[in-house]
Amino acid sequence: MGARTETVAELDGTAVGGWVRRLAGNTAPRRNHWHTRQIYYRAAEALLDAPAELTWKSIVEQAGPRGSRSTFYEVAGGHARHRMVDDLIGDGRPGVIEIALRYLRTDPVEQLLDETKVWSFWDCRQEAMRQLSDRMPVGEMERVLTTAVAGWARRRPALARAGGCTPPACAVEDLTVLHRGHLSGTEALARLAEVVRTA
């Protein structure tokens, strides 16, 4: 039971989880970066569903009156504030940095898509975490997570397929935590990408 408690604690303390909680937990009406990010996440997903060309210009246009080039790059540019990948890099653990390298993008649109996937999957992720039991073996815990990823991919197929079926980074990090260091970030990403592809 002790090892399971440690796993739960680690799932509660993942780098991507900390990024979501820090930004989504900000209730201040001014300088609410999560609110601003969601405008662009929704715009990107709407364009994918259309389908329409996905560029920074089309995303800004889809974002409506709140959209602008400068705000887009503040959210998704190379020097954007509060990037998810920076939290992964800043975590410092080798396994998490390996995941960060898989999500380190030079294209701001791709960076935005990575974050959009996490944003759109987050409620599914939280529900999956509630289903985990102290008595579950690792394989069963992985099944709960992969079922959540597959369900998300079926509900949001255009977003799930974008970027070569890259899974939400939070799910990749969670899978490595469940395996307690016996599954690399690269292996976890490959497993979940296959789940997305076949969903």
N, C-alpha and C. Protein backbone atom coordinates (compact mmCIF):
# COMPACT_ATOMS: atom_id res chain seq x y z
N MET A 1 0.83 -1.20 0.00
CA MET A 1 0.00 0.00 0.00
C MET A 1 0.87 1.26 0.00
N GLY A 2 2.03 1.19 0.66
CA GLY A 2 2.90 2.35 0.71
C GLY A 2 3.36 2.79 -0.66
N ALA A 3 3.74 1.80 -1.53
CA ALA A 3 4.21 2.15 -2.86
C ALA A 3 3.09 2.82 -3.66
N ARG A 4 1.88 2.34 -3.51
CA ARG A 4 0.75 2.93 -4.22
C ARG A 4 0.51 4.36 -3.78
N THR A 5 0.64 4.61 -2.49
CA THR A 5 0.48 5.97 -1.98
C THR A 5 1.53 6.89 -2.60
N GLU A 6 2.75 6.39 -2.74
CA GLU A 6 3.79 7.18 -3.37
C GLU A 6 3.43 7.48 -4.82
N THR A 7 2.86 6.49 -5.52
CA THR A 7 2.47 6.71 -6.91
C THR A 7 1.40 7.78 -7.01
N VAL A 8 0.40 7.72 -6.14
CA VAL A 8 -0.66 8.73 -6.15
C VAL A 8 -0.07 10.11 -5.89
N ALA A 9 0.83 10.19 -4.93
CA ALA A 9 1.46 11.48 -4.63
C ALA A 9 2.22 12.00 -5.84
N GLU A 10 2.91 11.11 -6.55
CA GLU A 10 3.65 11.54 -7.73
C GLU A 10 2.71 12.00 -8.84
N LEU A 11 1.59 11.30 -9.01
CA LEU A 11 0.62 11.72 -10.02
C LEU A 11 0.05 13.10 -9.70
N ASP A 12 -0.10 13.38 -8.41
CA ASP A 12 -0.58 14.70 -8.00
C ASP A 12 0.48 15.79 -8.18
N GLY A 13 1.74 15.38 -8.30
CA GLY A 13 2.82 16.35 -8.36
C GLY A 13 3.60 16.36 -9.66
N THR A 14 2.95 15.97 -10.76
CA THR A 14 3.66 15.98 -12.04
C THR A 14 3.93 17.41 -12.51
N ALA A 15 4.90 17.53 -13.40
CA ALA A 15 5.25 18.85 -13.92
C ALA A 15 4.09 19.48 -14.68
N VAL A 16 3.44 18.70 -15.55
CA VAL A 16 2.33 19.25 -16.33
C VAL A 16 1.15 19.55 -15.41
N GLY A 17 0.93 18.68 -14.42
CA GLY A 17 -0.14 18.94 -13.46
C GLY A 17 0.08 20.25 -12.71
N GLY A 18 1.32 20.50 -12.33
CA GLY A 18 1.64 21.76 -11.65
C GLY A 18 1.41 22.96 -12.55
N TRP A 19 1.74 22.81 -13.82
CA TRP A 19 1.53 23.90 -14.79
C TRP A 19 0.05 24.22 -14.92
N VAL A 20 -0.78 23.18 -15.07
CA VAL A 20 -2.22 23.41 -15.20
C VAL A 20 -2.78 24.06 -13.93
N ARG A 21 -2.45 23.49 -12.77
CA ARG A 21 -3.00 24.02 -11.52
C ARG A 21 -2.56 25.47 -11.27
N ARG A 22 -1.32 25.77 -11.58
CA ARG A 22 -0.81 27.13 -11.35
C ARG A 22 -1.55 28.15 -12.21
N LEU A 23 -1.75 27.82 -13.48
CA LEU A 23 -2.39 28.77 -14.38
C LEU A 23 -3.91 28.76 -14.25
N ALA A 24 -4.50 27.56 -14.20
CA ALA A 24 -5.97 27.49 -14.11
C ALA A 24 -6.47 27.95 -12.75
N GLY A 25 -5.62 27.87 -11.75
CA GLY A 25 -6.03 28.26 -10.41
C GLY A 25 -6.00 29.75 -10.16
N ASN A 26 -5.52 30.51 -11.14
CA ASN A 26 -5.46 31.98 -10.99
C ASN A 26 -6.86 32.55 -11.24
N THR A 27 -7.46 33.10 -10.22
CA THR A 27 -8.81 33.67 -10.36
C THR A 27 -8.80 35.18 -10.54
N ALA A 28 -7.62 35.78 -10.58
CA ALA A 28 -7.53 37.24 -10.75
C ALA A 28 -8.05 37.63 -12.13
N PRO A 29 -8.92 38.61 -12.21
CA PRO A 29 -9.47 39.00 -13.52
C PRO A 29 -8.44 39.63 -14.44
N ARG A 30 -7.43 40.28 -13.87
CA ARG A 30 -6.40 40.91 -14.68
C ARG A 30 -5.21 39.98 -14.79
N ARG A 31 -4.59 39.96 -15.96
CA ARG A 31 -3.40 39.14 -16.22
C ARG A 31 -3.68 37.66 -15.96
N ASN A 32 -4.85 37.22 -16.36
CA ASN A 32 -5.20 35.81 -16.19
C ASN A 32 -4.73 35.06 -17.44
N HIS A 33 -3.54 34.49 -17.34
CA HIS A 33 -2.92 33.85 -18.50
C HIS A 33 -3.69 32.61 -18.95
N TRP A 34 -4.31 31.90 -18.02
CA TRP A 34 -5.06 30.70 -18.40
C TRP A 34 -6.28 31.08 -19.25
N HIS A 35 -6.96 32.14 -18.85
CA HIS A 35 -8.11 32.60 -19.63
C HIS A 35 -7.68 32.97 -21.05
N THR A 36 -6.59 33.70 -21.15
CA THR A 36 -6.08 34.10 -22.46
C THR A 36 -5.69 32.88 -23.28
N ARG A 37 -5.01 31.92 -22.66
CA ARG A 37 -4.59 30.72 -23.38
C ARG A 37 -5.80 29.95 -23.91
N GLN A 38 -6.84 29.86 -23.10
CA GLN A 38 -8.02 29.11 -23.52
C GLN A 38 -8.66 29.70 -24.78
N ILE A 39 -8.58 31.00 -24.93
CA ILE A 39 -9.11 31.64 -26.15
C ILE A 39 -8.40 31.06 -27.37
N TYR A 40 -7.08 30.92 -27.28
CA TYR A 40 -6.31 30.39 -28.41
C TYR A 40 -6.46 28.88 -28.54
N TYR A 41 -6.59 28.17 -27.44
CA TYR A 41 -6.82 26.71 -27.52
C TYR A 41 -8.13 26.43 -28.24
N ARG A 42 -9.17 27.16 -27.87
CA ARG A 42 -10.49 26.96 -28.51
C ARG A 42 -10.42 27.33 -30.00
N ALA A 43 -9.71 28.40 -30.31
CA ALA A 43 -9.59 28.83 -31.71
C ALA A 43 -8.88 27.77 -32.54
N ALA A 44 -7.79 27.23 -32.01
CA ALA A 44 -7.04 26.19 -32.74
C ALA A 44 -7.90 24.96 -32.97
N GLU A 45 -8.61 24.53 -31.94
CA GLU A 45 -9.44 23.34 -32.10
C GLU A 45 -10.58 23.59 -33.09
N ALA A 46 -11.17 24.77 -33.06
CA ALA A 46 -12.24 25.09 -34.00
C ALA A 46 -11.74 25.03 -35.44
N LEU A 47 -10.54 25.51 -35.69
CA LEU A 47 -9.98 25.47 -37.04
C LEU A 47 -9.71 24.03 -37.47
N LEU A 48 -9.23 23.21 -36.56
CA LEU A 48 -8.99 21.80 -36.88
C LEU A 48 -10.30 21.09 -37.21
N ASP A 49 -11.35 21.43 -36.48
CA ASP A 49 -12.64 20.78 -36.70
C ASP A 49 -13.29 21.24 -38.00
N ALA A 50 -12.90 22.42 -38.51
CA ALA A 50 -13.58 23.01 -39.67
C ALA A 50 -13.59 22.15 -40.93
N PRO A 51 -12.51 21.56 -41.44
CA PRO A 51 -11.12 21.89 -41.14
C PRO A 51 -10.69 23.12 -41.93
N ALA A 52 -9.70 23.80 -41.40
CA ALA A 52 -9.19 25.01 -42.05
C ALA A 52 -7.68 25.06 -41.82
N GLU A 53 -7.03 25.91 -42.61
CA GLU A 53 -5.58 26.07 -42.48
C GLU A 53 -5.24 26.56 -41.07
N LEU A 54 -4.22 25.96 -40.49
CA LEU A 54 -3.84 26.32 -39.14
C LEU A 54 -2.52 27.09 -39.17
N THR A 55 -2.61 28.40 -39.04
CA THR A 55 -1.43 29.27 -38.98
C THR A 55 -1.66 30.24 -37.82
N TRP A 56 -0.62 30.97 -37.47
CA TRP A 56 -0.82 31.94 -36.38
C TRP A 56 -1.87 32.98 -36.80
N LYS A 57 -1.89 33.34 -38.08
CA LYS A 57 -2.86 34.34 -38.54
C LYS A 57 -4.29 33.81 -38.46
N SER A 58 -4.49 32.57 -38.90
CA SER A 58 -5.86 32.02 -38.86
C SER A 58 -6.32 31.81 -37.42
N ILE A 59 -5.40 31.46 -36.54
CA ILE A 59 -5.76 31.28 -35.12
C ILE A 59 -6.14 32.62 -34.50
N VAL A 60 -5.36 33.66 -34.79
CA VAL A 60 -5.66 35.00 -34.27
C VAL A 60 -7.01 35.46 -34.79
N GLU A 61 -7.27 35.23 -36.06
CA GLU A 61 -8.55 35.64 -36.64
C GLU A 61 -9.71 34.87 -35.99
N GLN A 62 -9.52 33.57 -35.79
CA GLN A 62 -10.55 32.74 -35.15
C GLN A 62 -10.78 33.16 -33.71
N ALA A 63 -9.75 33.66 -33.06
CA ALA A 63 -9.88 34.09 -31.66
C ALA A 63 -10.78 35.30 -31.50
N GLY A 64 -11.05 36.00 -32.59
CA GLY A 64 -11.98 37.12 -32.53
C GLY A 64 -11.35 38.38 -31.98
N PRO A 65 -12.15 39.23 -31.34
CA PRO A 65 -11.65 40.54 -30.89
C PRO A 65 -10.54 40.45 -29.84
N ARG A 66 -10.47 39.32 -29.13
CA ARG A 66 -9.40 39.17 -28.12
C ARG A 66 -8.09 38.71 -28.74
N GLY A 67 -8.12 38.35 -30.02
CA GLY A 67 -6.92 37.84 -30.67
C GLY A 67 -6.04 38.93 -31.23
N SER A 68 -4.73 38.71 -31.15
CA SER A 68 -3.78 39.63 -31.77
C SER A 68 -2.46 38.88 -31.95
N ARG A 69 -1.65 39.36 -32.87
CA ARG A 69 -0.36 38.72 -33.12
C ARG A 69 0.49 38.71 -31.85
N SER A 70 0.53 39.85 -31.17
CA SER A 70 1.39 39.94 -29.98
C SER A 70 0.92 39.00 -28.88
N THR A 71 -0.40 38.90 -28.68
CA THR A 71 -0.90 38.01 -27.64
C THR A 71 -0.68 36.55 -28.02
N PHE A 72 -0.85 36.23 -29.30
CA PHE A 72 -0.59 34.85 -29.74
C PHE A 72 0.83 34.46 -29.39
N TYR A 73 1.79 35.31 -29.71
CA TYR A 73 3.19 34.97 -29.45
C TYR A 73 3.53 35.03 -27.96
N GLU A 74 2.76 35.79 -27.20
CA GLU A 74 2.94 35.76 -25.75
C GLU A 74 2.50 34.42 -25.18
N VAL A 75 1.53 33.79 -25.85
CA VAL A 75 1.04 32.47 -25.43
C VAL A 75 1.90 31.35 -26.00
N ALA A 76 2.28 31.46 -27.28
CA ALA A 76 2.87 30.31 -27.96
C ALA A 76 4.23 30.54 -28.60
N GLY A 77 4.81 31.69 -28.50
CA GLY A 77 6.10 31.93 -29.13
C GLY A 77 7.25 31.30 -28.36
N GLY A 78 8.42 31.38 -28.97
CA GLY A 78 9.62 30.82 -28.36
C GLY A 78 9.96 31.43 -27.02
N HIS A 79 9.56 32.68 -26.81
CA HIS A 79 9.82 33.35 -25.53
C HIS A 79 8.52 33.61 -24.78
N ALA A 80 7.53 32.79 -25.06
CA ALA A 80 6.22 32.96 -24.42
C ALA A 80 6.33 32.75 -22.91
N ARG A 81 5.45 33.41 -22.20
CA ARG A 81 5.42 33.25 -20.74
C ARG A 81 4.59 32.02 -20.40
N HIS A 82 5.02 31.29 -19.38
CA HIS A 82 4.27 30.16 -18.84
C HIS A 82 4.08 29.02 -19.83
N ARG A 83 5.08 28.72 -20.63
CA ARG A 83 4.97 27.59 -21.56
C ARG A 83 4.98 26.28 -20.77
N MET A 84 4.16 25.35 -21.19
CA MET A 84 4.13 24.03 -20.56
C MET A 84 5.50 23.36 -20.62
N VAL A 85 6.15 23.45 -21.76
CA VAL A 85 7.43 22.77 -21.92
C VAL A 85 8.48 23.31 -20.95
N ASP A 86 8.38 24.58 -20.58
CA ASP A 86 9.33 25.14 -19.61
C ASP A 86 9.16 24.51 -18.24
N ASP A 87 7.93 24.18 -17.87
CA ASP A 87 7.71 23.49 -16.60
C ASP A 87 8.29 22.08 -16.65
N LEU A 88 8.17 21.41 -17.79
CA LEU A 88 8.78 20.08 -17.93
C LEU A 88 10.30 20.16 -17.82
N ILE A 89 10.89 21.13 -18.51
CA ILE A 89 12.34 21.29 -18.44
C ILE A 89 12.77 21.66 -17.03
N GLY A 90 12.03 22.58 -16.41
CA GLY A 90 12.37 23.05 -15.07
C GLY A 90 12.23 21.99 -13.99
N ASP A 91 11.48 20.93 -14.26
CA ASP A 91 11.33 19.86 -13.29
C ASP A 91 12.68 19.24 -12.94
N GLY A 92 13.53 19.08 -13.93
CA GLY A 92 14.90 18.64 -13.68
C GLY A 92 15.13 17.14 -13.64
N ARG A 93 14.10 16.33 -13.42
CA ARG A 93 14.31 14.88 -13.39
C ARG A 93 14.56 14.38 -14.81
N PRO A 94 15.53 13.47 -14.98
CA PRO A 94 15.90 13.02 -16.32
C PRO A 94 14.72 12.51 -17.14
N GLY A 95 13.82 11.73 -16.55
CA GLY A 95 12.67 11.21 -17.29
C GLY A 95 11.75 12.30 -17.77
N VAL A 96 11.59 13.33 -16.96
CA VAL A 96 10.70 14.44 -17.33
C VAL A 96 11.36 15.30 -18.40
N ILE A 97 12.65 15.49 -18.30
CA ILE A 97 13.37 16.26 -19.32
C ILE A 97 13.31 15.53 -20.66
N GLU A 98 13.37 14.19 -20.62
CA GLU A 98 13.23 13.41 -21.86
C GLU A 98 11.88 13.69 -22.52
N ILE A 99 10.83 13.78 -21.72
CA ILE A 99 9.51 14.12 -22.26
C ILE A 99 9.53 15.54 -22.82
N ALA A 100 10.15 16.45 -22.08
CA ALA A 100 10.23 17.85 -22.54
C ALA A 100 10.87 17.94 -23.91
N LEU A 101 11.91 17.17 -24.14
CA LEU A 101 12.60 17.23 -25.43
C LEU A 101 11.70 16.76 -26.57
N ARG A 102 10.76 15.88 -26.27
CA ARG A 102 9.81 15.41 -27.29
C ARG A 102 8.75 16.46 -27.60
N TYR A 103 8.56 17.40 -26.68
CA TYR A 103 7.55 18.44 -26.86
C TYR A 103 8.16 19.83 -27.04
N LEU A 104 9.44 19.91 -27.25
CA LEU A 104 10.11 21.18 -27.48
C LEU A 104 9.99 21.53 -28.96
N ARG A 105 9.23 22.55 -29.27
CA ARG A 105 8.91 22.89 -30.66
C ARG A 105 9.55 24.20 -31.08
N THR A 106 9.89 24.28 -32.36
CA THR A 106 10.33 25.56 -32.91
C THR A 106 9.15 26.31 -33.53
N ASP A 107 8.10 25.58 -33.92
CA ASP A 107 6.91 26.17 -34.52
C ASP A 107 5.91 26.52 -33.43
N PRO A 108 5.55 27.80 -33.27
CA PRO A 108 4.62 28.18 -32.21
C PRO A 108 3.24 27.55 -32.35
N VAL A 109 2.80 27.27 -33.57
CA VAL A 109 1.50 26.62 -33.76
C VAL A 109 1.54 25.20 -33.19
N GLU A 110 2.64 24.48 -33.44
CA GLU A 110 2.78 23.13 -32.87
C GLU A 110 2.82 23.19 -31.35
N GLN A 111 3.51 24.19 -30.81
CA GLN A 111 3.56 24.36 -29.36
C GLN A 111 2.16 24.60 -28.81
N LEU A 112 1.39 25.44 -29.49
CA LEU A 112 0.02 25.71 -29.06
C LEU A 112 -0.81 24.43 -29.10
N LEU A 113 -0.64 23.61 -30.12
CA LEU A 113 -1.39 22.36 -30.23
C LEU A 113 -1.06 21.41 -29.08
N ASP A 114 0.21 21.33 -28.71
CA ASP A 114 0.58 20.47 -27.57
C ASP A 114 -0.16 20.89 -26.31
N GLU A 115 -0.22 22.19 -26.08
CA GLU A 115 -0.91 22.69 -24.89
C GLU A 115 -2.42 22.53 -25.04
N THR A 116 -2.94 22.70 -26.25
CA THR A 116 -4.37 22.52 -26.48
C THR A 116 -4.79 21.09 -26.16
N LYS A 117 -3.94 20.14 -26.51
CA LYS A 117 -4.25 18.74 -26.21
C LYS A 117 -4.34 18.51 -24.70
N VAL A 118 -3.42 19.06 -23.95
CA VAL A 118 -3.47 18.92 -22.49
C VAL A 118 -4.73 19.58 -21.93
N TRP A 119 -5.00 20.79 -22.37
CA TRP A 119 -6.19 21.52 -21.91
C TRP A 119 -7.46 20.71 -22.18
N SER A 120 -7.58 20.16 -23.38
CA SER A 120 -8.80 19.44 -23.76
C SER A 120 -8.91 18.07 -23.09
N PHE A 121 -7.78 17.49 -22.71
CA PHE A 121 -7.75 16.16 -22.09
C PHE A 121 -7.85 16.23 -20.56
N TRP A 122 -7.66 17.40 -19.98
CA TRP A 122 -7.45 17.49 -18.54
C TRP A 122 -8.59 16.89 -17.72
N ASP A 123 -9.82 17.15 -18.07
CA ASP A 123 -10.94 16.58 -17.31
C ASP A 123 -10.96 15.05 -17.41
N CYS A 124 -10.63 14.52 -18.60
CA CYS A 124 -10.52 13.06 -18.77
C CYS A 124 -9.42 12.51 -17.89
N ARG A 125 -8.33 13.22 -17.83
CA ARG A 125 -7.19 12.80 -17.00
C ARG A 125 -7.58 12.76 -15.54
N GLN A 126 -8.26 13.78 -15.07
CA GLN A 126 -8.64 13.84 -13.67
C GLN A 126 -9.63 12.72 -13.31
N GLU A 127 -10.55 12.43 -14.23
CA GLU A 127 -11.49 11.33 -14.00
C GLU A 127 -10.74 10.00 -13.96
N ALA A 128 -9.78 9.81 -14.83
CA ALA A 128 -8.98 8.58 -14.82
C ALA A 128 -8.22 8.43 -13.50
N MET A 129 -7.68 9.53 -12.99
CA MET A 129 -6.94 9.47 -11.73
C MET A 129 -7.86 9.03 -10.58
N ARG A 130 -9.14 9.46 -10.62
CA ARG A 130 -10.08 9.07 -9.57
C ARG A 130 -10.44 7.59 -9.63
N GLN A 131 -10.27 6.97 -10.78
CA GLN A 131 -10.62 5.56 -10.94
C GLN A 131 -9.53 4.62 -10.44
N LEU A 132 -8.34 5.13 -10.22
CA LEU A 132 -7.24 4.27 -9.80
C LEU A 132 -7.46 3.76 -8.38
N SER A 133 -7.16 2.50 -8.19
CA SER A 133 -7.36 1.85 -6.90
C SER A 133 -6.02 1.45 -6.31
N ASP A 134 -5.96 1.44 -4.99
CA ASP A 134 -4.74 1.02 -4.29
C ASP A 134 -4.33 -0.40 -4.66
N ARG A 135 -5.30 -1.21 -5.01
CA ARG A 135 -5.01 -2.63 -5.26
C ARG A 135 -4.71 -2.93 -6.72
N MET A 136 -4.76 -1.94 -7.58
CA MET A 136 -4.53 -2.19 -9.01
C MET A 136 -3.07 -2.48 -9.31
N PRO A 137 -2.81 -3.51 -10.12
CA PRO A 137 -1.44 -3.67 -10.64
C PRO A 137 -1.15 -2.60 -11.69
N VAL A 138 0.11 -2.45 -12.04
CA VAL A 138 0.51 -1.41 -12.98
C VAL A 138 -0.23 -1.54 -14.31
N GLY A 139 -0.39 -2.77 -14.80
CA GLY A 139 -1.07 -2.97 -16.07
C GLY A 139 -2.50 -2.47 -16.06
N GLU A 140 -3.17 -2.67 -14.94
CA GLU A 140 -4.55 -2.20 -14.83
C GLU A 140 -4.60 -0.67 -14.74
N MET A 141 -3.65 -0.08 -14.02
CA MET A 141 -3.60 1.38 -13.96
C MET A 141 -3.33 1.96 -15.35
N GLU A 142 -2.45 1.32 -16.10
CA GLU A 142 -2.17 1.78 -17.47
C GLU A 142 -3.43 1.66 -18.33
N ARG A 143 -4.21 0.60 -18.14
CA ARG A 143 -5.43 0.43 -18.92
C ARG A 143 -6.40 1.59 -18.66
N VAL A 144 -6.51 2.00 -17.40
CA VAL A 144 -7.39 3.13 -17.07
C VAL A 144 -6.94 4.39 -17.82
N LEU A 145 -5.63 4.64 -17.81
CA LEU A 145 -5.10 5.83 -18.48
C LEU A 145 -5.28 5.73 -19.99
N THR A 146 -4.96 4.59 -20.57
CA THR A 146 -5.07 4.47 -22.02
C THR A 146 -6.53 4.51 -22.48
N THR A 147 -7.44 4.00 -21.66
CA THR A 147 -8.86 4.10 -21.99
C THR A 147 -9.30 5.56 -22.03
N ALA A 148 -8.78 6.36 -21.10
CA ALA A 148 -9.10 7.79 -21.08
C ALA A 148 -8.54 8.48 -22.32
N VAL A 149 -7.32 8.14 -22.72
CA VAL A 149 -6.72 8.74 -23.91
C VAL A 149 -7.51 8.34 -25.16
N ALA A 150 -7.89 7.07 -25.25
CA ALA A 150 -8.65 6.61 -26.42
C ALA A 150 -10.01 7.30 -26.48
N GLY A 151 -10.67 7.44 -25.36
CA GLY A 151 -11.97 8.13 -25.33
C GLY A 151 -11.85 9.57 -25.75
N TRP A 152 -10.82 10.24 -25.27
CA TRP A 152 -10.56 11.63 -25.66
C TRP A 152 -10.31 11.71 -27.17
N ALA A 153 -9.52 10.80 -27.70
CA ALA A 153 -9.19 10.82 -29.13
C ALA A 153 -10.43 10.58 -29.99
N ARG A 154 -11.34 9.75 -29.52
CA ARG A 154 -12.57 9.51 -30.29
C ARG A 154 -13.50 10.73 -30.26
N ARG A 155 -13.51 11.45 -29.12
CA ARG A 155 -14.37 12.62 -29.01
C ARG A 155 -13.80 13.84 -29.73
N ARG A 156 -12.48 13.90 -29.85
CA ARG A 156 -11.84 15.07 -30.46
C ARG A 156 -10.86 14.60 -31.53
N PRO A 157 -11.37 13.94 -32.56
CA PRO A 157 -10.47 13.27 -33.52
C PRO A 157 -9.52 14.20 -34.27
N ALA A 158 -9.98 15.37 -34.67
CA ALA A 158 -9.11 16.26 -35.44
C ALA A 158 -7.94 16.73 -34.57
N LEU A 159 -8.23 17.11 -33.35
CA LEU A 159 -7.16 17.55 -32.45
C LEU A 159 -6.24 16.39 -32.10
N ALA A 160 -6.80 15.23 -31.84
CA ALA A 160 -5.99 14.06 -31.47
C ALA A 160 -5.02 13.68 -32.59
N ARG A 161 -5.48 13.77 -33.85
CA ARG A 161 -4.63 13.38 -34.99
C ARG A 161 -3.58 14.44 -35.33
N ALA A 162 -3.81 15.67 -34.91
CA ALA A 162 -2.88 16.75 -35.25
C ALA A 162 -1.50 16.45 -34.69
N GLY A 163 -0.50 16.90 -35.43
CA GLY A 163 0.87 16.72 -34.95
C GLY A 163 1.31 15.27 -34.93
N GLY A 164 0.82 14.48 -35.87
CA GLY A 164 1.24 13.08 -35.94
C GLY A 164 0.73 12.23 -34.81
N CYS A 165 -0.48 12.52 -34.35
CA CYS A 165 -1.12 11.73 -33.27
C CYS A 165 -0.35 11.80 -31.95
N THR A 166 0.36 12.89 -31.74
CA THR A 166 1.06 13.06 -30.47
C THR A 166 0.04 13.11 -29.33
N PRO A 167 0.24 12.29 -28.30
CA PRO A 167 -0.72 12.30 -27.18
C PRO A 167 -0.52 13.51 -26.28
N PRO A 168 -1.49 13.80 -25.42
CA PRO A 168 -1.31 14.88 -24.44
C PRO A 168 -0.09 14.61 -23.56
N ALA A 169 0.73 15.62 -23.39
CA ALA A 169 1.98 15.45 -22.62
C ALA A 169 1.71 14.98 -21.20
N CYS A 170 0.59 15.41 -20.61
CA CYS A 170 0.29 14.99 -19.24
C CYS A 170 0.09 13.48 -19.16
N ALA A 171 -0.51 12.88 -20.19
CA ALA A 171 -0.72 11.43 -20.19
C ALA A 171 0.60 10.69 -20.32
N VAL A 172 1.51 11.23 -21.12
CA VAL A 172 2.84 10.63 -21.26
C VAL A 172 3.56 10.65 -19.92
N GLU A 173 3.54 11.81 -19.26
CA GLU A 173 4.20 11.91 -17.96
C GLU A 173 3.54 10.98 -16.95
N ASP A 174 2.22 10.91 -16.94
CA ASP A 174 1.51 10.02 -16.02
C ASP A 174 1.91 8.56 -16.24
N LEU A 175 2.02 8.15 -17.49
CA LEU A 175 2.36 6.76 -17.77
C LEU A 175 3.74 6.41 -17.26
N THR A 176 4.69 7.33 -17.38
CA THR A 176 6.02 7.05 -16.83
C THR A 176 5.98 6.95 -15.31
N VAL A 177 5.15 7.76 -14.68
CA VAL A 177 5.00 7.71 -13.22
C VAL A 177 4.41 6.37 -12.79
N LEU A 178 3.38 5.90 -13.50
CA LEU A 178 2.76 4.63 -13.16
C LEU A 178 3.76 3.48 -13.23
N HIS A 179 4.72 3.57 -14.15
CA HIS A 179 5.72 2.52 -14.31
C HIS A 179 6.95 2.75 -13.43
N ARG A 180 6.93 3.81 -12.67
CA ARG A 180 7.95 4.08 -11.65
C ARG A 180 9.39 3.92 -12.18
N GLY A 181 9.63 4.58 -13.32
CA GLY A 181 10.98 4.62 -13.86
C GLY A 181 11.34 3.46 -14.76
N HIS A 182 10.44 2.51 -14.96
CA HIS A 182 10.73 1.36 -15.81
C HIS A 182 10.24 1.54 -17.24
N LEU A 183 9.72 2.72 -17.55
CA LEU A 183 9.26 3.04 -18.91
C LEU A 183 9.75 4.45 -19.22
N SER A 184 10.50 4.59 -20.29
CA SER A 184 11.04 5.91 -20.63
C SER A 184 9.94 6.80 -21.20
N GLY A 185 10.23 8.08 -21.23
CA GLY A 185 9.30 9.03 -21.82
C GLY A 185 9.06 8.75 -23.30
N THR A 186 10.11 8.34 -24.00
CA THR A 186 10.00 8.01 -25.42
C THR A 186 9.08 6.81 -25.61
N GLU A 187 9.26 5.79 -24.78
CA GLU A 187 8.42 4.59 -24.88
C GLU A 187 6.97 4.93 -24.53
N ALA A 188 6.77 5.73 -23.50
CA ALA A 188 5.41 6.11 -23.10
C ALA A 188 4.72 6.89 -24.21
N LEU A 189 5.45 7.82 -24.82
CA LEU A 189 4.87 8.60 -25.91
C LEU A 189 4.49 7.69 -27.07
N ALA A 190 5.36 6.73 -27.41
CA ALA A 190 5.07 5.82 -28.53
C ALA A 190 3.83 4.97 -28.24
N ARG A 191 3.71 4.47 -27.02
CA ARG A 191 2.54 3.66 -26.65
C ARG A 191 1.26 4.45 -26.78
N LEU A 192 1.27 5.66 -26.26
CA LEU A 192 0.04 6.46 -26.27
C LEU A 192 -0.26 7.01 -27.66
N ALA A 193 0.77 7.27 -28.47
CA ALA A 193 0.53 7.70 -29.85
C ALA A 193 -0.20 6.58 -30.61
N GLU A 194 0.15 5.34 -30.32
CA GLU A 194 -0.52 4.21 -30.97
C GLU A 194 -1.98 4.12 -30.50
N VAL A 195 -2.22 4.42 -29.23
CA VAL A 195 -3.58 4.45 -28.72
C VAL A 195 -4.40 5.50 -29.48
N VAL A 196 -3.80 6.68 -29.68
CA VAL A 196 -4.50 7.76 -30.40
C VAL A 196 -4.76 7.34 -31.84
N ARG A 197 -3.76 6.74 -32.47
CA ARG A 197 -3.91 6.34 -33.88
C ARG A 197 -5.03 5.32 -34.09
N THR A 198 -5.18 4.42 -33.14
CA THR A 198 -6.14 3.32 -33.31
C THR A 198 -7.47 3.58 -32.64
N ALA A 199 -7.63 4.73 -32.01
CA ALA A 199 -8.89 5.01 -31.29
C ALA A 199 -10.05 5.13 -32.25
